[in-house]
């Protein structure tokens, strides 16, 4: 798996959201740099769990679509005329 690379704006949004949560929900005040380090750590530790879940969900969706496609193909089959 490639390292998780966030776009700058995505990371900024995550830092702001996490800092807001820490301040308003947990009454914890920490600086933006510390929150950015926390985001990096969370991405490293928890990121693979969500990534793997996304892969499993995508795999299941593809399998379901293949089943639908197989059923559609079955509907297109034509019978051989009997004489």
Protein backbone atom coordinates (compact mmCIF):
# COMPACT_ATOMS: atom_id res chain seq x y z
CA UNK A 1 0.00 0.00 0.00
CA UNK A 2 1.24 3.46 -0.84
CA UNK A 3 1.65 5.96 1.95
CA UNK A 4 -1.44 8.01 2.59
CA UNK A 5 -0.91 11.39 0.94
CA UNK A 6 -3.50 14.03 1.76
CA UNK A 7 -3.98 17.16 -0.27
CA UNK A 8 -2.97 20.29 1.61
CA UNK A 9 -6.57 21.55 1.87
CA UNK A 10 -7.81 18.16 3.09
CA UNK A 11 -5.21 18.12 5.85
CA UNK A 12 -5.97 21.73 6.80
CA UNK A 13 -9.68 20.89 7.03
CA UNK A 14 -8.95 17.84 9.17
CA UNK A 15 -6.71 19.82 11.50
CA UNK A 16 -9.36 22.52 11.90
CA UNK A 17 -12.11 19.97 12.52
CA UNK A 18 -10.06 18.00 15.05
CA UNK A 19 -8.90 21.13 16.84
CA UNK A 20 -12.51 22.35 17.04
CA UNK A 21 -13.61 18.97 18.42
CA UNK A 22 -10.85 18.88 21.02
CA UNK A 23 -11.64 22.42 22.14
CA UNK A 24 -15.43 22.25 22.23
CA UNK A 25 -16.11 18.63 23.13
CA UNK A 26 -13.14 17.69 25.30
CA UNK A 27 -12.12 21.13 26.58
CA UNK A 28 -8.54 20.52 25.39
CA UNK A 29 -6.53 23.39 23.97
CA UNK A 30 -3.56 22.45 21.78
CA UNK A 31 -1.83 24.28 18.97
CA UNK A 32 -2.28 23.68 15.27
CA UNK A 33 1.15 22.03 14.94
CA UNK A 34 0.33 19.50 17.65
CA UNK A 35 -3.03 18.78 16.02
CA UNK A 36 -1.29 18.33 12.65
CA UNK A 37 1.10 15.82 14.24
CA UNK A 38 -1.92 14.05 15.77
CA UNK A 39 -3.63 13.92 12.35
CA UNK A 40 -0.48 12.39 10.84
CA UNK A 41 -0.35 9.82 13.63
CA UNK A 42 -4.03 8.95 13.30
CA UNK A 43 -3.62 8.59 9.54
CA UNK A 44 -0.74 6.18 10.09
CA UNK A 45 -2.40 4.13 12.83
CA UNK A 46 -6.10 4.23 11.97
CA UNK A 47 -5.94 5.05 8.25
CA UNK A 48 -5.24 1.47 7.14
CA UNK A 49 -8.35 0.23 8.96
CA UNK A 50 -10.59 2.60 7.00
CA UNK A 51 -8.64 1.99 3.79
CA UNK A 52 -9.09 -1.77 4.09
CA UNK A 53 -12.78 -1.36 4.90
CA UNK A 54 -13.16 0.77 1.77
CA UNK A 55 -11.44 -1.92 -0.28
CA UNK A 56 -13.73 -4.62 1.11
CA UNK A 57 -16.80 -2.48 0.42
CA UNK A 58 -15.60 -1.78 -3.14
CA UNK A 59 -14.90 -5.49 -3.68
CA UNK A 60 -18.40 -6.39 -2.49
CA UNK A 61 -19.94 -3.73 -4.76
CA UNK A 62 -18.03 -5.05 -7.79
CA UNK A 63 -19.08 -8.63 -7.03
CA UNK A 64 -22.72 -7.51 -6.75
CA UNK A 65 -22.49 -5.67 -10.08
CA UNK A 66 -20.99 -8.78 -11.70
CA UNK A 67 -23.92 -10.84 -10.43
CA UNK A 68 -26.33 -8.33 -11.96
CA UNK A 69 -24.39 -8.40 -15.23
CA UNK A 70 -24.47 -12.22 -15.28
CA UNK A 71 -28.24 -12.16 -14.72
CA UNK A 72 -28.64 -9.61 -17.53
CA UNK A 73 -26.61 -11.80 -19.86
CA UNK A 74 -28.76 -14.79 -18.98
CA UNK A 75 -31.82 -12.78 -20.02
CA UNK A 76 -30.25 -12.15 -23.44
CA UNK A 77 -29.75 -15.83 -24.20
CA UNK A 78 -31.86 -17.21 -27.00
CA UNK A 79 -33.17 -20.68 -27.25
CA UNK A 80 -32.39 -22.92 -30.18
CA UNK A 81 -35.51 -23.49 -32.29
CA UNK A 82 -36.67 -27.10 -32.32
CA UNK A 83 -37.92 -28.65 -35.51
